[in-house]
């Protein structure tokens, strides 16, 4: 009997014994993983990678004016470059290729669940859709100065649009392109990001970050910022904001507590987090088989017999073998339960 599980939070428990042997039980342990943050440092033409520790590394340089960032499920980073009017693709190791060219003024980027890339063209007012192979089509048009984009859990696309006379709207598009106004009365909306509860966070160039519940109720999440632009959530639910004028990256806890995360940027634009690899678990008789992608570097498979704090995690040995592009580890089941996680 084979039973397969996927753990989106990357810690899983296999419980065995008695009646449970007839049908394995999967328990998910919420264990947020640290992730590297990519920052489009527009004025300097760089992409900066910030490690969870806060250490800065130049991931890419020599770009014209990078703005939008998005990471696909394979860990490849896509960058919209206003200076060259192109979208570049970077592998996790930094290898560069041109994904799309001939755009007007590419800005915000976002992937849907099917792996299609959506790009807002700030100058033309269009939203372009690219299949994973790069085939381009126009998803929507008629916007004035679109900036940030984000998908909600239902697959609807949200777009921040500035109308040029001091006000802006947030538009919502269904999967087939039907448009409606989700929010209005903003000054100059820029970045968009959804939290796990489905609340939409909007950076407004008028120094605020607003929070919208799924029904559109607005509240002020943060104020007193200096031209806030990019927004991104990490796996722990913390919100990161690129402050365009001050050159800082701020971190906000879910409760709104603000702290400095990084500084010294020319003009930080949009943000994107490195994905947390998904751990797949397959039960095969008395063995548990764990697999995860090989293209996410710097992670180790760990296990523990309980999650009582402080949990004693240790590396699983022997290490993985590579099979069909995935890391594979097989362990024989022993004891009542075992928890697994991937850890950077």
C-alpha atoms as a PDB file:
ATOM      1  CA  UNK A   1       0.000   0.000   0.000  1.00  0.00           C
ATOM      2  CA  UNK A   2       1.356   3.423  -0.965  1.00  0.00           C
ATOM      3  CA  UNK A   3       0.079   6.559   0.724  1.00  0.00           C
ATOM      4  CA  UNK A   4       1.434   9.923  -0.405  1.00  0.00           C
ATOM      5  CA  UNK A   5       1.280  13.226   1.453  1.00  0.00           C
ATOM      6  CA  UNK A   6       2.470  16.725   0.689  1.00  0.00           C
ATOM      7  CA  UNK A   7       3.441  19.056   3.479  1.00  0.00           C
ATOM      8  CA  UNK A   8       3.168  22.740   2.512  1.00  0.00           C
ATOM      9  CA  UNK A   9       4.607  23.810   5.854  1.00  0.00           C
ATOM     10  CA  UNK A  10       7.381  21.271   5.590  1.00  0.00           C
ATOM     11  CA  UNK A  11       7.010  19.345   8.824  1.00  0.00           C
ATOM     12  CA  UNK A  12       5.038  16.090   8.916  1.00  0.00           C
ATOM     13  CA  UNK A  13       4.289  13.375  11.467  1.00  0.00           C
ATOM     14  CA  UNK A  14       3.741   9.699  10.677  1.00  0.00           C
ATOM     15  CA  UNK A  15       1.817   7.922  13.486  1.00  0.00           C
ATOM     16  CA  UNK A  16       1.640   4.131  13.566  1.00  0.00           C
ATOM     17  CA  UNK A  17       0.281   1.361  15.817  1.00  0.00           C
ATOM     18  CA  UNK A  18      -3.034  -0.403  16.332  1.00  0.00           C
ATOM     19  CA  UNK A  19      -5.793   0.720  14.011  1.00  0.00           C
ATOM     20  CA  UNK A  20      -3.609   3.519  12.683  1.00  0.00           C
ATOM     21  CA  UNK A  21      -1.506   0.932  10.793  1.00  0.00           C
ATOM     22  CA  UNK A  22      -4.404   0.323   8.443  1.00  0.00           C
ATOM     23  CA  UNK A  23      -4.485   3.957   7.395  1.00  0.00           C
ATOM     24  CA  UNK A  24      -1.541   6.203   8.056  1.00  0.00           C
ATOM     25  CA  UNK A  25      -2.299   9.515   9.714  1.00  0.00           C
ATOM     26  CA  UNK A  26      -0.570  12.719   8.662  1.00  0.00           C
ATOM     27  CA  UNK A  27      -0.297  15.549  11.147  1.00  0.00           C
ATOM     28  CA  UNK A  28       1.027  18.899   9.998  1.00  0.00           C
ATOM     29  CA  UNK A  29       3.231  20.830  12.386  1.00  0.00           C
ATOM     30  CA  UNK A  30       3.400  24.534  11.652  1.00  0.00           C
ATOM     31  CA  UNK A  31       7.106  25.175  11.432  1.00  0.00           C
ATOM     32  CA  UNK A  32       7.937  28.323   9.464  1.00  0.00           C
ATOM     33  CA  UNK A  33      11.144  28.069   7.505  1.00  0.00           C
ATOM     34  CA  UNK A  34      13.595  30.954   7.046  1.00  0.00           C
ATOM     35  CA  UNK A  35      13.781  32.198   3.466  1.00  0.00           C
ATOM     36  CA  UNK A  36      16.035  34.499   1.523  1.00  0.00           C
ATOM     37  CA  UNK A  37      14.468  37.754   0.329  1.00  0.00           C
ATOM     38  CA  UNK A  38      15.115  39.177  -3.139  1.00  0.00           C
ATOM     39  CA  UNK A  39      15.069  42.967  -3.514  1.00  0.00           C
ATOM     40  CA  UNK A  40      14.975  44.903  -6.791  1.00  0.00           C
ATOM     41  CA  UNK A  41      17.485  47.691  -6.074  1.00  0.00           C
ATOM     42  CA  UNK A  42      16.298  49.775  -9.011  1.00  0.00           C
ATOM     43  CA  UNK A  43      18.561  52.828  -8.995  1.00  0.00           C
ATOM     44  CA  UNK A  44      21.662  50.664  -8.696  1.00  0.00           C
ATOM     45  CA  UNK A  45      20.551  48.100 -11.292  1.00  0.00           C
ATOM     46  CA  UNK A  46      21.011  45.209  -8.882  1.00  0.00           C
ATOM     47  CA  UNK A  47      19.079  42.308  -7.427  1.00  0.00           C
ATOM     48  CA  UNK A  48      20.060  41.885  -3.793  1.00  0.00           C
ATOM     49  CA  UNK A  49      19.532  38.633  -1.912  1.00  0.00           C
ATOM     50  CA  UNK A  50      19.104  38.995   1.848  1.00  0.00           C
ATOM     51  CA  UNK A  51      19.679  35.847   3.873  1.00  0.00           C
ATOM     52  CA  UNK A  52      17.422  35.076   6.865  1.00  0.00           C
ATOM     53  CA  UNK A  53      20.273  36.295   9.059  1.00  0.00           C
ATOM     54  CA  UNK A  54      20.154  39.687   7.329  1.00  0.00           C
ATOM     55  CA  UNK A  55      23.400  39.217   5.370  1.00  0.00           C
ATOM     56  CA  UNK A  56      23.287  40.951   1.967  1.00  0.00           C
ATOM     57  CA  UNK A  57      24.593  39.443  -1.264  1.00  0.00           C
ATOM     58  CA  UNK A  58      24.453  40.818  -4.815  1.00  0.00           C
ATOM     59  CA  UNK A  59      22.565  38.126  -6.718  1.00  0.00           C
ATOM     60  CA  UNK A  60      22.597  39.972 -10.072  1.00  0.00           C
ATOM     61  CA  UNK A  61      23.982  43.281 -11.346  1.00  0.00           C
ATOM     62  CA  UNK A  62      24.193  45.328 -14.535  1.00  0.00           C
ATOM     63  CA  UNK A  63      20.443  45.608 -15.052  1.00  0.00           C
ATOM     64  CA  UNK A  64      18.823  48.779 -16.373  1.00  0.00           C
ATOM     65  CA  UNK A  65      16.092  49.523 -13.836  1.00  0.00           C
ATOM     66  CA  UNK A  66      14.749  46.309 -12.248  1.00  0.00           C
ATOM     67  CA  UNK A  67      11.296  46.577 -10.744  1.00  0.00           C
ATOM     68  CA  UNK A  68       9.062  43.496 -10.590  1.00  0.00           C
ATOM     69  CA  UNK A  69      10.122  40.182  -9.057  1.00  0.00           C
ATOM     70  CA  UNK A  70       8.481  36.762  -8.958  1.00  0.00           C
ATOM     71  CA  UNK A  71       9.764  33.264  -8.184  1.00  0.00           C
ATOM     72  CA  UNK A  72       8.306  30.141  -9.809  1.00  0.00           C
ATOM     73  CA  UNK A  73       7.878  26.756  -8.150  1.00  0.00           C
ATOM     74  CA  UNK A  74      11.293  25.617  -9.425  1.00  0.00           C
ATOM     75  CA  UNK A  75      12.995  28.486  -7.609  1.00  0.00           C
ATOM     76  CA  UNK A  76      13.804  30.502 -10.738  1.00  0.00           C
ATOM     77  CA  UNK A  77      13.670  34.270 -10.233  1.00  0.00           C
ATOM     78  CA  UNK A  78      11.941  36.421 -12.871  1.00  0.00           C
ATOM     79  CA  UNK A  79      12.836  40.107 -13.069  1.00  0.00           C
ATOM     80  CA  UNK A  80      11.100  42.839 -15.054  1.00  0.00           C
ATOM     81  CA  UNK A  81      13.685  45.367 -16.228  1.00  0.00           C
ATOM     82  CA  UNK A  82      12.258  48.748 -17.165  1.00  0.00           C
ATOM     83  CA  UNK A  83      15.636  49.828 -18.536  1.00  0.00           C
ATOM     84  CA  UNK A  84      15.851  47.101 -21.189  1.00  0.00           C
ATOM     85  CA  UNK A  85      12.081  46.501 -21.537  1.00  0.00           C
ATOM     86  CA  UNK A  86      12.670  42.806 -20.891  1.00  0.00           C
ATOM     87  CA  UNK A  87      11.850  40.085 -18.400  1.00  0.00           C
ATOM     88  CA  UNK A  88      14.889  38.099 -17.313  1.00  0.00           C
ATOM     89  CA  UNK A  89      14.944  34.632 -15.805  1.00  0.00           C
ATOM     90  CA  UNK A  90      17.610  33.642 -13.271  1.00  0.00           C
ATOM     91  CA  UNK A  91      18.181  30.088 -12.108  1.00  0.00           C
ATOM     92  CA  UNK A  92      18.828  29.588  -8.370  1.00  0.00           C
ATOM     93  CA  UNK A  93      22.558  29.578  -9.177  1.00  0.00           C
ATOM     94  CA  UNK A  94      22.267  32.951 -10.951  1.00  0.00           C
ATOM     95  CA  UNK A  95      22.432  31.863 -14.612  1.00  0.00           C
ATOM     96  CA  UNK A  96      20.694  34.530 -16.729  1.00  0.00           C
ATOM     97  CA  UNK A  97      18.450  34.191 -19.784  1.00  0.00           C
ATOM     98  CA  UNK A  98      15.943  36.490 -21.496  1.00  0.00           C
ATOM     99  CA  UNK A  99      12.383  35.260 -20.966  1.00  0.00           C
ATOM    100  CA  UNK A 100      10.534  38.074 -22.815  1.00  0.00           C
ATOM    101  CA  UNK A 101      11.469  41.251 -24.695  1.00  0.00           C
ATOM    102  CA  UNK A 102       9.854  44.128 -26.558  1.00  0.00           C
ATOM    103  CA  UNK A 103       7.695  45.200 -23.631  1.00  0.00           C
ATOM    104  CA  UNK A 104       6.782  48.828 -22.960  1.00  0.00           C
ATOM    105  CA  UNK A 105       7.486  49.423 -19.288  1.00  0.00           C
ATOM    106  CA  UNK A 106       7.355  46.105 -17.417  1.00  0.00           C
ATOM    107  CA  UNK A 107       6.556  46.389 -13.741  1.00  0.00           C
ATOM    108  CA  UNK A 108       4.800  43.992 -11.338  1.00  0.00           C
ATOM    109  CA  UNK A 109       5.035  40.227 -11.818  1.00  0.00           C
ATOM    110  CA  UNK A 110       3.083  37.310 -10.343  1.00  0.00           C
ATOM    111  CA  UNK A 111       2.643  33.597 -11.052  1.00  0.00           C
ATOM    112  CA  UNK A 112      -0.692  31.810 -10.975  1.00  0.00           C
ATOM    113  CA  UNK A 113      -1.057  28.257  -9.692  1.00  0.00           C
ATOM    114  CA  UNK A 114      -0.637  26.849 -13.218  1.00  0.00           C
ATOM    115  CA  UNK A 115       2.800  28.411 -13.555  1.00  0.00           C
ATOM    116  CA  UNK A 116       1.760  31.181 -15.945  1.00  0.00           C
ATOM    117  CA  UNK A 117       3.526  34.505 -15.429  1.00  0.00           C
ATOM    118  CA  UNK A 118       1.474  37.721 -15.412  1.00  0.00           C
ATOM    119  CA  UNK A 119       3.198  41.055 -16.092  1.00  0.00           C
ATOM    120  CA  UNK A 120       1.747  44.540 -15.845  1.00  0.00           C
ATOM    121  CA  UNK A 121       2.974  46.991 -18.443  1.00  0.00           C
ATOM    122  CA  UNK A 122       3.060  50.336 -16.674  1.00  0.00           C
ATOM    123  CA  UNK A 123       3.140  52.430 -19.853  1.00  0.00           C
ATOM    124  CA  UNK A 124       0.745  50.556 -22.126  1.00  0.00           C
ATOM    125  CA  UNK A 125      -1.765  49.782 -19.374  1.00  0.00           C
ATOM    126  CA  UNK A 126      -1.892  46.122 -20.338  1.00  0.00           C
ATOM    127  CA  UNK A 127      -1.551  42.894 -18.408  1.00  0.00           C
ATOM    128  CA  UNK A 128       0.387  40.268 -20.333  1.00  0.00           C
ATOM    129  CA  UNK A 129       0.218  36.552 -19.683  1.00  0.00           C
ATOM    130  CA  UNK A 130       3.133  34.227 -20.425  1.00  0.00           C
ATOM    131  CA  UNK A 131       2.923  30.452 -20.424  1.00  0.00           C
ATOM    132  CA  UNK A 132       5.859  28.567 -18.888  1.00  0.00           C
ATOM    133  CA  UNK A 133       7.279  28.183 -22.419  1.00  0.00           C
ATOM    134  CA  UNK A 134       7.115  31.951 -22.965  1.00  0.00           C
ATOM    135  CA  UNK A 135       4.071  32.234 -25.245  1.00  0.00           C
ATOM    136  CA  UNK A 136       2.608  35.712 -24.730  1.00  0.00           C
ATOM    137  CA  UNK A 137      -1.005  36.880 -24.816  1.00  0.00           C
ATOM    138  CA  UNK A 138      -2.882  39.950 -23.585  1.00  0.00           C
ATOM    139  CA  UNK A 139      -4.914  39.122 -20.488  1.00  0.00           C
ATOM    140  CA  UNK A 140      -6.361  42.620 -19.919  1.00  0.00           C
ATOM    141  CA  UNK A 141      -6.007  46.187 -21.186  1.00  0.00           C
ATOM    142  CA  UNK A 142      -7.372  49.655 -20.522  1.00  0.00           C
ATOM    143  CA  UNK A 143      -5.518  50.323 -17.290  1.00  0.00           C
ATOM    144  CA  UNK A 144      -3.796  53.677 -16.797  1.00  0.00           C
ATOM    145  CA  UNK A 145      -0.633  53.136 -14.721  1.00  0.00           C
ATOM    146  CA  UNK A 146      -0.706  49.631 -13.242  1.00  0.00           C
ATOM    147  CA  UNK A 147       1.957  48.661 -10.722  1.00  0.00           C
ATOM    148  CA  UNK A 148       1.772  45.722  -8.310  1.00  0.00           C
ATOM    149  CA  UNK A 149      -0.064  42.445  -8.887  1.00  0.00           C
ATOM    150  CA  UNK A 150      -0.970  39.482  -6.684  1.00  0.00           C
ATOM    151  CA  UNK A 151      -3.148  36.367  -6.837  1.00  0.00           C
ATOM    152  CA  UNK A 152      -5.535  35.319  -4.102  1.00  0.00           C
ATOM    153  CA  UNK A 153      -6.227  31.696  -3.172  1.00  0.00           C
ATOM    154  CA  UNK A 154      -9.140  31.531  -5.620  1.00  0.00           C
ATOM    155  CA  UNK A 155      -6.840  32.388  -8.521  1.00  0.00           C
ATOM    156  CA  UNK A 156      -8.187  35.912  -8.992  1.00  0.00           C
ATOM    157  CA  UNK A 157      -5.669  38.525 -10.077  1.00  0.00           C
ATOM    158  CA  UNK A 158      -5.516  41.829  -8.178  1.00  0.00           C
ATOM    159  CA  UNK A 159      -3.881  44.868  -9.776  1.00  0.00           C
ATOM    160  CA  UNK A 160      -2.962  48.263  -8.323  1.00  0.00           C
ATOM    161  CA  UNK A 161      -3.708  51.045 -10.816  1.00  0.00           C
ATOM    162  CA  UNK A 162      -2.956  54.768 -10.552  1.00  0.00           C
ATOM    163  CA  UNK A 163      -5.286  56.901 -12.663  1.00  0.00           C
ATOM    164  CA  UNK A 164      -3.016  59.938 -12.918  1.00  0.00           C
ATOM    165  CA  UNK A 165      -5.101  62.507 -11.044  1.00  0.00           C
ATOM    166  CA  UNK A 166      -4.108  61.651  -7.497  1.00  0.00           C
ATOM    167  CA  UNK A 167      -6.334  58.630  -6.953  1.00  0.00           C
ATOM    168  CA  UNK A 168      -5.976  54.926  -7.528  1.00  0.00           C
ATOM    169  CA  UNK A 169      -7.946  51.704  -7.507  1.00  0.00           C
ATOM    170  CA  UNK A 170      -7.414  48.018  -6.889  1.00  0.00           C
ATOM    171  CA  UNK A 171      -8.988  45.904  -9.609  1.00  0.00           C
ATOM    172  CA  UNK A 172      -9.926  42.248  -9.284  1.00  0.00           C
ATOM    173  CA  UNK A 173      -9.923  39.945 -12.321  1.00  0.00           C
ATOM    174  CA  UNK A 174     -11.544  36.538 -12.381  1.00  0.00           C
ATOM    175  CA  UNK A 175      -9.690  33.679 -14.063  1.00  0.00           C
ATOM    176  CA  UNK A 176     -11.469  34.438 -17.352  1.00  0.00           C
ATOM    177  CA  UNK A 177     -10.623  38.149 -17.224  1.00  0.00           C
ATOM    178  CA  UNK A 178     -13.832  39.716 -15.898  1.00  0.00           C
ATOM    179  CA  UNK A 179     -12.880  42.921 -14.066  1.00  0.00           C
ATOM    180  CA  UNK A 180     -14.415  44.590 -11.029  1.00  0.00           C
ATOM    181  CA  UNK A 181     -13.305  47.309  -8.614  1.00  0.00           C
ATOM    182  CA  UNK A 182     -12.182  45.815  -5.308  1.00  0.00           C
ATOM    183  CA  UNK A 183     -11.085  49.075  -3.661  1.00  0.00           C
ATOM    184  CA  UNK A 184     -10.960  52.768  -4.534  1.00  0.00           C
ATOM    185  CA  UNK A 185     -10.026  56.074  -2.934  1.00  0.00           C
ATOM    186  CA  UNK A 186      -6.322  55.310  -2.707  1.00  0.00           C
ATOM    187  CA  UNK A 187      -3.637  57.842  -3.534  1.00  0.00           C
ATOM    188  CA  UNK A 188      -1.048  55.888  -5.553  1.00  0.00           C
ATOM    189  CA  UNK A 189      -1.255  52.141  -4.838  1.00  0.00           C
ATOM    190  CA  UNK A 190       1.942  50.223  -5.512  1.00  0.00           C
ATOM    191  CA  UNK A 191       2.625  46.828  -3.941  1.00  0.00           C
ATOM    192  CA  UNK A 192       0.110  44.072  -3.185  1.00  0.00           C
ATOM    193  CA  UNK A 193       0.443  40.970  -1.008  1.00  0.00           C
ATOM    194  CA  UNK A 194      -1.986  38.451   0.496  1.00  0.00           C
ATOM    195  CA  UNK A 195      -1.565  36.864   3.905  1.00  0.00           C
ATOM    196  CA  UNK A 196      -2.581  33.276   4.690  1.00  0.00           C
ATOM    197  CA  UNK A 197      -6.034  34.423   5.848  1.00  0.00           C
ATOM    198  CA  UNK A 198      -6.789  36.015   2.465  1.00  0.00           C
ATOM    199  CA  UNK A 199      -6.384  39.612   3.607  1.00  0.00           C
ATOM    200  CA  UNK A 200      -4.936  41.943   0.973  1.00  0.00           C
ATOM    201  CA  UNK A 201      -2.201  44.389   1.984  1.00  0.00           C
ATOM    202  CA  UNK A 202      -1.644  47.462  -0.193  1.00  0.00           C
ATOM    203  CA  UNK A 203       1.241  49.912  -0.071  1.00  0.00           C
ATOM    204  CA  UNK A 204       0.058  53.431  -0.893  1.00  0.00           C
ATOM    205  CA  UNK A 205       2.661  55.960  -1.987  1.00  0.00           C
ATOM    206  CA  UNK A 206       1.030  58.358   0.503  1.00  0.00           C
ATOM    207  CA  UNK A 207       3.009  56.704   3.342  1.00  0.00           C
ATOM    208  CA  UNK A 208       0.542  53.998   4.348  1.00  0.00           C
ATOM    209  CA  UNK A 209       0.032  50.263   4.197  1.00  0.00           C
ATOM    210  CA  UNK A 210      -3.642  49.345   4.168  1.00  0.00           C
ATOM    211  CA  UNK A 211      -5.198  46.006   5.039  1.00  0.00           C
ATOM    212  CA  UNK A 212      -8.341  44.802   3.262  1.00  0.00           C
ATOM    213  CA  UNK A 213     -10.369  41.856   4.470  1.00  0.00           C
ATOM    214  CA  UNK A 214     -11.733  39.532   1.763  1.00  0.00           C
ATOM    215  CA  UNK A 215     -15.014  41.487   1.797  1.00  0.00           C
ATOM    216  CA  UNK A 216     -13.171  44.770   1.141  1.00  0.00           C
ATOM    217  CA  UNK A 217     -13.204  46.296   4.635  1.00  0.00           C
ATOM    218  CA  UNK A 218     -10.199  48.597   4.968  1.00  0.00           C
ATOM    219  CA  UNK A 219      -8.022  49.406   7.969  1.00  0.00           C
ATOM    220  CA  UNK A 220      -4.640  51.094   8.323  1.00  0.00           C
ATOM    221  CA  UNK A 221      -1.901  48.556   9.034  1.00  0.00           C
ATOM    222  CA  UNK A 222       1.074  50.974   9.059  1.00  0.00           C
ATOM    223  CA  UNK A 223       1.691  54.693   8.582  1.00  0.00           C
ATOM    224  CA  UNK A 224       4.553  57.166   8.527  1.00  0.00           C
ATOM    225  CA  UNK A 225       6.458  55.347   5.780  1.00  0.00           C
ATOM    226  CA  UNK A 226       8.526  56.986   3.027  1.00  0.00           C
ATOM    227  CA  UNK A 227       7.095  56.035  -0.363  1.00  0.00           C
ATOM    228  CA  UNK A 228       6.300  52.381   0.335  1.00  0.00           C
ATOM    229  CA  UNK A 229       6.445  50.158  -2.753  1.00  0.00           C
ATOM    230  CA  UNK A 230       7.051  46.405  -2.636  1.00  0.00           C
ATOM    231  CA  UNK A 231       5.353  44.048  -0.177  1.00  0.00           C
ATOM    232  CA  UNK A 232       5.970  40.368   0.508  1.00  0.00           C
ATOM    233  CA  UNK A 233       5.094  37.859   3.231  1.00  0.00           C
ATOM    234  CA  UNK A 234       7.495  35.224   4.508  1.00  0.00           C
ATOM    235  CA  UNK A 235       6.378  31.761   5.605  1.00  0.00           C
ATOM    236  CA  UNK A 236       6.084  32.934   9.226  1.00  0.00           C
ATOM    237  CA  UNK A 237       3.468  35.540   8.283  1.00  0.00           C
ATOM    238  CA  UNK A 238       5.731  38.573   8.691  1.00  0.00           C
ATOM    239  CA  UNK A 239       5.235  41.369   6.148  1.00  0.00           C
ATOM    240  CA  UNK A 240       8.260  42.982   4.500  1.00  0.00           C
ATOM    241  CA  UNK A 241       8.042  46.423   2.890  1.00  0.00           C
ATOM    242  CA  UNK A 242      10.414  48.217   0.514  1.00  0.00           C
ATOM    243  CA  UNK A 243      10.589  51.882   1.473  1.00  0.00           C
ATOM    244  CA  UNK A 244      11.408  53.642  -1.777  1.00  0.00           C
ATOM    245  CA  UNK A 245      12.537  57.013  -0.475  1.00  0.00           C
ATOM    246  CA  UNK A 246      14.465  55.967   2.637  1.00  0.00           C
ATOM    247  CA  UNK A 247      16.097  52.973   0.965  1.00  0.00           C
ATOM    248  CA  UNK A 248      15.131  50.684   3.838  1.00  0.00           C
ATOM    249  CA  UNK A 249      13.443  47.303   4.090  1.00  0.00           C
ATOM    250  CA  UNK A 250      11.101  47.089   7.067  1.00  0.00           C
ATOM    251  CA  UNK A 251       9.674  44.002   8.724  1.00  0.00           C
ATOM    252  CA  UNK A 252       6.233  43.937  10.343  1.00  0.00           C
ATOM    253  CA  UNK A 253       5.024  41.157  12.610  1.00  0.00           C
ATOM    254  CA  UNK A 254       1.423  39.968  12.093  1.00  0.00           C
ATOM    255  CA  UNK A 255       0.522  42.313  14.943  1.00  0.00           C
ATOM    256  CA  UNK A 256       2.048  45.295  13.164  1.00  0.00           C
ATOM    257  CA  UNK A 257       5.264  45.685  15.175  1.00  0.00           C
ATOM    258  CA  UNK A 258       7.827  47.344  12.892  1.00  0.00           C
ATOM    259  CA  UNK A 259      11.584  46.791  12.802  1.00  0.00           C
ATOM    260  CA  UNK A 260      14.450  47.554  10.445  1.00  0.00           C
ATOM    261  CA  UNK A 261      15.466  44.525   8.385  1.00  0.00           C
ATOM    262  CA  UNK A 262      17.959  46.043   5.906  1.00  0.00           C
ATOM    263  CA  UNK A 263      19.064  49.470   4.694  1.00  0.00           C
ATOM    264  CA  UNK A 264      21.294  51.276   2.206  1.00  0.00           C
ATOM    265  CA  UNK A 265      19.403  50.607  -1.026  1.00  0.00           C
ATOM    266  CA  UNK A 266      19.263  53.098  -3.897  1.00  0.00           C
ATOM    267  CA  UNK A 267      15.537  52.688  -4.424  1.00  0.00           C
ATOM    268  CA  UNK A 268      14.150  49.320  -3.387  1.00  0.00           C
ATOM    269  CA  UNK A 269      11.193  48.431  -5.573  1.00  0.00           C
ATOM    270  CA  UNK A 270       9.370  45.095  -5.487  1.00  0.00           C
ATOM    271  CA  UNK A 271      10.238  42.113  -3.291  1.00  0.00           C
ATOM    272  CA  UNK A 272      10.022  38.336  -3.582  1.00  0.00           C
ATOM    273  CA  UNK A 273      10.844  35.506  -1.216  1.00  0.00           C
ATOM    274  CA  UNK A 274      12.704  32.375  -2.180  1.00  0.00           C
ATOM    275  CA  UNK A 275      10.225  29.479  -2.092  1.00  0.00           C
ATOM    276  CA  UNK A 276      10.238  26.966   0.721  1.00  0.00           C
ATOM    277  CA  UNK A 277      10.704  23.493  -0.820  1.00  0.00           C
ATOM    278  CA  UNK A 278       7.794  21.103  -0.543  1.00  0.00           C
ATOM    279  CA  UNK A 279       8.476  17.850   1.247  1.00  0.00           C
ATOM    280  CA  UNK A 280       6.645  14.850  -0.235  1.00  0.00           C
ATOM    281  CA  UNK A 281       6.100  11.794   1.970  1.00  0.00           C
ATOM    282  CA  UNK A 282       5.191   8.345   0.646  1.00  0.00           C
ATOM    283  CA  UNK A 283       4.425   5.340   2.858  1.00  0.00           C
ATOM    284  CA  UNK A 284       5.487   1.997   1.383  1.00  0.00           C
ATOM    285  CA  UNK A 285       5.006  -0.894   3.772  1.00  0.00           C
ATOM    286  CA  UNK A 286       7.343  -0.338   6.728  1.00  0.00           C
ATOM    287  CA  UNK A 287       9.281   2.402   4.965  1.00  0.00           C
ATOM    288  CA  UNK A 288       8.715   6.106   4.652  1.00  0.00           C
ATOM    289  CA  UNK A 289      10.091   7.685   1.473  1.00  0.00           C
ATOM    290  CA  UNK A 290      10.738  11.428   1.540  1.00  0.00           C
ATOM    291  CA  UNK A 291      11.504  13.512  -1.547  1.00  0.00           C
ATOM    292  CA  UNK A 292      12.067  17.189  -2.321  1.00  0.00           C
ATOM    293  CA  UNK A 293      13.352  19.218  -5.301  1.00  0.00           C
ATOM    294  CA  UNK A 294      17.072  19.335  -6.020  1.00  0.00           C
ATOM    295  CA  UNK A 295      16.967  22.913  -7.322  1.00  0.00           C
ATOM    296  CA  UNK A 296      16.507  24.445  -3.865  1.00  0.00           C
ATOM    297  CA  UNK A 297      19.953  24.629  -2.320  1.00  0.00           C
ATOM    298  CA  UNK A 298      20.993  24.728   1.317  1.00  0.00           C
ATOM    299  CA  UNK A 299      18.289  22.592   2.948  1.00  0.00           C
ATOM    300  CA  UNK A 300      18.707  19.560   5.187  1.00  0.00           C
ATOM    301  CA  UNK A 301      16.174  16.849   6.029  1.00  0.00           C
ATOM    302  CA  UNK A 302      15.723  16.597   9.789  1.00  0.00           C
ATOM    303  CA  UNK A 303      13.627  14.420  12.089  1.00  0.00           C
ATOM    304  CA  UNK A 304      12.464  14.317  15.698  1.00  0.00           C
ATOM    305  CA  UNK A 305      10.214  12.056  17.747  1.00  0.00           C
ATOM    306  CA  UNK A 306       8.190  14.887  19.292  1.00  0.00           C
ATOM    307  CA  UNK A 307       7.512  18.585  18.945  1.00  0.00           C
ATOM    308  CA  UNK A 308       7.641  19.478  22.634  1.00  0.00           C
ATOM    309  CA  UNK A 309       9.613  22.716  22.854  1.00  0.00           C
ATOM    310  CA  UNK A 310      12.525  22.747  22.458  1.00  0.00           C
ATOM    311  CA  UNK A 311      12.240  19.996  19.854  1.00  0.00           C
ATOM    312  CA  UNK A 312      15.459  18.035  19.296  1.00  0.00           C
ATOM    313  CA  UNK A 313      15.815  17.998  15.514  1.00  0.00           C
ATOM    314  CA  UNK A 314      18.661  16.005  13.976  1.00  0.00           C
ATOM    315  CA  UNK A 315      19.795  15.389  10.399  1.00  0.00           C
ATOM    316  CA  UNK A 316      18.458  12.217   8.785  1.00  0.00           C
ATOM    317  CA  UNK A 317      21.232   9.820   7.744  1.00  0.00           C
ATOM    318  CA  UNK A 318      22.225   8.549   5.316  1.00  0.00           C
ATOM    319  CA  UNK A 319      21.726  11.584   3.130  1.00  0.00           C
ATOM    320  CA  UNK A 320      19.631  11.742  -0.028  1.00  0.00           C
ATOM    321  CA  UNK A 321      20.258  10.176  -3.396  1.00  0.00           C
ATOM    322  CA  UNK A 322      19.116  11.968  -6.558  1.00  0.00           C
ATOM    323  CA  UNK A 323      16.440  10.255  -8.608  1.00  0.00           C
ATOM    324  CA  UNK A 324      14.476  11.862 -11.465  1.00  0.00           C
ATOM    325  CA  UNK A 325      15.501  15.350 -10.427  1.00  0.00           C
ATOM    326  CA  UNK A 326      14.522  14.959  -6.764  1.00  0.00           C
ATOM    327  CA  UNK A 327      16.338  14.255  -3.519  1.00  0.00           C
ATOM    328  CA  UNK A 328      15.180  10.890  -2.156  1.00  0.00           C
ATOM    329  CA  UNK A 329      15.573   9.449   1.341  1.00  0.00           C
ATOM    330  CA  UNK A 330      14.099   6.132   2.522  1.00  0.00           C
ATOM    331  CA  UNK A 331      13.728   5.381   6.241  1.00  0.00           C
ATOM    332  CA  UNK A 332      12.420   2.307   7.996  1.00  0.00           C
ATOM    333  CA  UNK A 333       9.576   3.149  10.373  1.00  0.00           C
ATOM    334  CA  UNK A 334      10.260   2.574  14.062  1.00  0.00           C
ATOM    335  CA  UNK A 335       8.443   3.795  17.145  1.00  0.00           C
ATOM    336  CA  UNK A 336       5.055   5.417  17.464  1.00  0.00           C
ATOM    337  CA  UNK A 337       5.687   8.620  15.553  1.00  0.00           C
ATOM    338  CA  UNK A 338       8.268  10.588  13.647  1.00  0.00           C
ATOM    339  CA  UNK A 339       8.288  14.227  12.548  1.00  0.00           C
ATOM    340  CA  UNK A 340      10.198  15.446   9.498  1.00  0.00           C
ATOM    341  CA  UNK A 341      11.128  18.878   8.230  1.00  0.00           C
ATOM    342  CA  UNK A 342      13.310  20.567   5.639  1.00  0.00           C
ATOM    343  CA  UNK A 343      15.501  23.186   7.226  1.00  0.00           C
ATOM    344  CA  UNK A 344      17.666  25.895   5.683  1.00  0.00           C
END
